[in-house]
Amino acid sequence: MVLARDGGTCIWCRRPFTGLVVPTTEHVVPRVKGGPSWLANEVAACGRCNGERGHRGPVEWLEECLRRGWDADTPRLARALDALAEAIAREGGQRRARHYLDAQRRRLRRRGTGRAIPA
């Protein structure tokens, strides 16, 4: 389901999924940060990026990917974070994840525009 939604490339390095680049799904908001086990909290990533990211925040890992020269899919990450925020607003709960998610969305917006935009 996640691969059909996200397409055939890794969100972090944009390598196409092939026999050598194995697709995985990972949580945008890590479970240790309160991220739910919902489809809205999952993105398609290659095994390398999923393993190397660990529990780092999505924006922190995005910046690391860009520092490494990888063509990370920033718009797709923004859409994933927004979709998760909408799912949490609709479903309720996830108190721990809400604050973390809001901070990540603000950080991503600041990164792209150079100024803070309220979530």
C-alpha atoms as a PDB file:
ATOM      1  CA  MET A   1       0.000   0.000   0.000  1.00  0.00           C
ATOM      2  CA  VAL A   2       2.781   2.458   0.936  1.00  0.00           C
ATOM      3  CA  LEU A   3       4.742   1.652  -2.234  1.00  0.00           C
ATOM      4  CA  ALA A   4       1.649   2.204  -4.388  1.00  0.00           C
ATOM      5  CA  ARG A   5       1.090   5.592  -2.717  1.00  0.00           C
ATOM      6  CA  ASP A   6       4.721   6.760  -2.613  1.00  0.00           C
ATOM      7  CA  GLY A   7       5.971   5.389  -5.903  1.00  0.00           C
ATOM      8  CA  GLY A   8       8.977   3.297  -6.743  1.00  0.00           C
ATOM      9  CA  THR A   9      11.731   5.400  -5.174  1.00  0.00           C
ATOM     10  CA  CYS A  10      13.197   5.968  -1.724  1.00  0.00           C
ATOM     11  CA  ILE A  11      11.983   9.179  -0.086  1.00  0.00           C
ATOM     12  CA  TRP A  12      15.492   9.902   1.245  1.00  0.00           C
ATOM     13  CA  CYS A  13      17.862   9.125  -1.639  1.00  0.00           C
ATOM     14  CA  ARG A  14      15.391   8.667  -4.530  1.00  0.00           C
ATOM     15  CA  ARG A  15      17.060   5.473  -5.665  1.00  0.00           C
ATOM     16  CA  PRO A  16      14.552   3.392  -7.632  1.00  0.00           C
ATOM     17  CA  PHE A  17      13.505   0.133  -6.011  1.00  0.00           C
ATOM     18  CA  THR A  18      14.982  -2.759  -7.963  1.00  0.00           C
ATOM     19  CA  GLY A  19      16.328  -6.208  -7.161  1.00  0.00           C
ATOM     20  CA  LEU A  20      19.382  -4.618  -5.534  1.00  0.00           C
ATOM     21  CA  VAL A  21      17.600  -1.718  -3.810  1.00  0.00           C
ATOM     22  CA  VAL A  22      15.044  -3.356  -1.558  1.00  0.00           C
ATOM     23  CA  PRO A  23      11.994  -1.293  -0.554  1.00  0.00           C
ATOM     24  CA  THR A  24      11.011  -1.033   3.096  1.00  0.00           C
ATOM     25  CA  THR A  25       8.525   1.059   4.977  1.00  0.00           C
ATOM     26  CA  GLU A  26       9.531   3.239   7.866  1.00  0.00           C
ATOM     27  CA  HIS A  27       7.766   5.515  10.309  1.00  0.00           C
ATOM     28  CA  VAL A  28       8.028   9.225   9.532  1.00  0.00           C
ATOM     29  CA  VAL A  29       7.617  10.005  13.235  1.00  0.00           C
ATOM     30  CA  PRO A  30       9.621   7.273  14.974  1.00  0.00           C
ATOM     31  CA  ARG A  31       7.732   5.029  17.376  1.00  0.00           C
ATOM     32  CA  VAL A  32      10.099   6.080  20.195  1.00  0.00           C
ATOM     33  CA  LYS A  33       8.926   9.670  19.629  1.00  0.00           C
ATOM     34  CA  GLY A  34       5.275   8.652  19.939  1.00  0.00           C
ATOM     35  CA  GLY A  35       4.586   8.001  16.269  1.00  0.00           C
ATOM     36  CA  PRO A  36       1.562   5.766  15.680  1.00  0.00           C
ATOM     37  CA  SER A  37       1.588   2.509  13.737  1.00  0.00           C
ATOM     38  CA  TRP A  38      -0.711   3.940  11.092  1.00  0.00           C
ATOM     39  CA  LEU A  39      -0.375   3.904   7.330  1.00  0.00           C
ATOM     40  CA  ALA A  40      -0.287   7.720   7.433  1.00  0.00           C
ATOM     41  CA  ASN A  41       2.944   7.480   9.452  1.00  0.00           C
ATOM     42  CA  GLU A  42       4.758   5.266   6.947  1.00  0.00           C
ATOM     43  CA  VAL A  43       6.841   6.130   3.891  1.00  0.00           C
ATOM     44  CA  ALA A  44       8.723   4.054   1.335  1.00  0.00           C
ATOM     45  CA  ALA A  45      12.461   3.965   1.942  1.00  0.00           C
ATOM     46  CA  CYS A  46      15.334   1.785   0.804  1.00  0.00           C
ATOM     47  CA  GLY A  47      16.884  -0.556   3.338  1.00  0.00           C
ATOM     48  CA  ARG A  48      20.080   1.504   3.531  1.00  0.00           C
ATOM     49  CA  CYS A  49      18.309   4.763   4.414  1.00  0.00           C
ATOM     50  CA  ASN A  50      15.906   3.051   6.791  1.00  0.00           C
ATOM     51  CA  GLY A  51      18.763   1.413   8.652  1.00  0.00           C
ATOM     52  CA  GLU A  52      21.027   4.466   8.759  1.00  0.00           C
ATOM     53  CA  ARG A  53      18.298   6.848   9.862  1.00  0.00           C
ATOM     54  CA  GLY A  54      17.603   5.006  13.087  1.00  0.00           C
ATOM     55  CA  HIS A  55      15.548   7.176  15.448  1.00  0.00           C
ATOM     56  CA  ARG A  56      16.611  10.509  13.972  1.00  0.00           C
ATOM     57  CA  GLY A  57      13.881  12.984  13.223  1.00  0.00           C
ATOM     58  CA  PRO A  58      12.671  13.233   9.638  1.00  0.00           C
ATOM     59  CA  VAL A  59      13.992  16.762   9.068  1.00  0.00           C
ATOM     60  CA  GLU A  60      17.331  15.959  10.688  1.00  0.00           C
ATOM     61  CA  TRP A  61      17.696  12.909   8.421  1.00  0.00           C
ATOM     62  CA  LEU A  62      16.569  14.935   5.382  1.00  0.00           C
ATOM     63  CA  GLU A  63      19.326  17.458   6.075  1.00  0.00           C
ATOM     64  CA  GLU A  64      21.873  14.644   6.459  1.00  0.00           C
ATOM     65  CA  CYS A  65      20.784  13.130   3.148  1.00  0.00           C
ATOM     66  CA  LEU A  66      21.161  16.478   1.391  1.00  0.00           C
ATOM     67  CA  ARG A  67      24.569  16.965   3.050  1.00  0.00           C
ATOM     68  CA  ARG A  68      25.614  13.605   1.583  1.00  0.00           C
ATOM     69  CA  GLY A  69      24.566  14.814  -1.855  1.00  0.00           C
ATOM     70  CA  TRP A  70      21.466  12.641  -2.126  1.00  0.00           C
ATOM     71  CA  ASP A  71      18.389  14.029  -3.873  1.00  0.00           C
ATOM     72  CA  ALA A  72      15.959  13.684  -0.959  1.00  0.00           C
ATOM     73  CA  ASP A  73      12.293  14.212  -1.815  1.00  0.00           C
ATOM     74  CA  THR A  74      11.474  17.231   0.361  1.00  0.00           C
ATOM     75  CA  PRO A  75       7.965  17.802  -1.081  1.00  0.00           C
ATOM     76  CA  ARG A  76       7.043  14.164  -0.451  1.00  0.00           C
ATOM     77  CA  LEU A  77       8.254  14.458   3.146  1.00  0.00           C
ATOM     78  CA  ALA A  78       6.183  17.623   3.614  1.00  0.00           C
ATOM     79  CA  ARG A  79       3.111  15.817   2.231  1.00  0.00           C
ATOM     80  CA  ALA A  80       3.726  12.847   4.551  1.00  0.00           C
ATOM     81  CA  LEU A  81       4.037  15.072   7.619  1.00  0.00           C
ATOM     82  CA  ASP A  82       0.896  17.020   6.657  1.00  0.00           C
ATOM     83  CA  ALA A  83      -1.060  13.804   6.006  1.00  0.00           C
ATOM     84  CA  LEU A  84      -0.050  12.450   9.395  1.00  0.00           C
ATOM     85  CA  ALA A  85      -1.121  15.685  11.087  1.00  0.00           C
ATOM     86  CA  GLU A  86      -4.498  15.431   9.339  1.00  0.00           C
ATOM     87  CA  ALA A  87      -4.881  11.776  10.383  1.00  0.00           C
ATOM     88  CA  ILE A  88      -4.107  12.625  14.009  1.00  0.00           C
ATOM     89  CA  ALA A  89      -6.600  15.506  13.939  1.00  0.00           C
ATOM     90  CA  ARG A  90      -9.229  13.178  12.499  1.00  0.00           C
ATOM     91  CA  GLU A  91      -8.542  10.118  14.696  1.00  0.00           C
ATOM     92  CA  GLY A  92      -7.548  11.890  17.900  1.00  0.00           C
ATOM     93  CA  GLY A  93      -5.122  10.749  20.560  1.00  0.00           C
ATOM     94  CA  GLN A  94      -1.389  10.608  19.848  1.00  0.00           C
ATOM     95  CA  ARG A  95      -0.630  13.352  22.362  1.00  0.00           C
ATOM     96  CA  ARG A  96       3.094  12.615  22.375  1.00  0.00           C
ATOM     97  CA  ALA A  97       3.343  12.544  18.594  1.00  0.00           C
ATOM     98  CA  ARG A  98       1.427  15.817  18.082  1.00  0.00           C
ATOM     99  CA  HIS A  99       4.065  18.075  19.625  1.00  0.00           C
ATOM    100  CA  TYR A 100       6.933  16.285  17.911  1.00  0.00           C
ATOM    101  CA  LEU A 101       5.134  16.350  14.560  1.00  0.00           C
ATOM    102  CA  ASP A 102       4.288  20.049  14.851  1.00  0.00           C
ATOM    103  CA  ALA A 103       7.934  20.839  15.610  1.00  0.00           C
ATOM    104  CA  GLN A 104       9.101  18.820  12.601  1.00  0.00           C
ATOM    105  CA  ARG A 105       6.619  20.553  10.293  1.00  0.00           C
ATOM    106  CA  ARG A 106       7.749  23.994  11.521  1.00  0.00           C
ATOM    107  CA  ARG A 107      11.395  23.047  11.098  1.00  0.00           C
ATOM    108  CA  LEU A 108      10.778  21.834   7.547  1.00  0.00           C
ATOM    109  CA  ARG A 109       8.917  25.025   6.646  1.00  0.00           C
ATOM    110  CA  ARG A 110      11.685  27.188   8.131  1.00  0.00           C
ATOM    111  CA  ARG A 111      14.226  25.218   6.182  1.00  0.00           C
ATOM    112  CA  GLY A 112      12.408  25.834   2.913  1.00  0.00           C
ATOM    113  CA  THR A 113      11.469  29.478   3.337  1.00  0.00           C
ATOM    114  CA  GLY A 114      13.984  30.860   5.810  1.00  0.00           C
ATOM    115  CA  ARG A 115      11.234  31.896   8.230  1.00  0.00           C
ATOM    116  CA  ALA A 116       8.843  30.202  10.588  1.00  0.00           C
ATOM    117  CA  ILE A 117       5.305  29.565   9.401  1.00  0.00           C
ATOM    118  CA  PRO A 118       2.719  28.448  11.962  1.00  0.00           C
ATOM    119  CA  ALA A 119       1.461  24.899  11.514  1.00  0.00           C
END
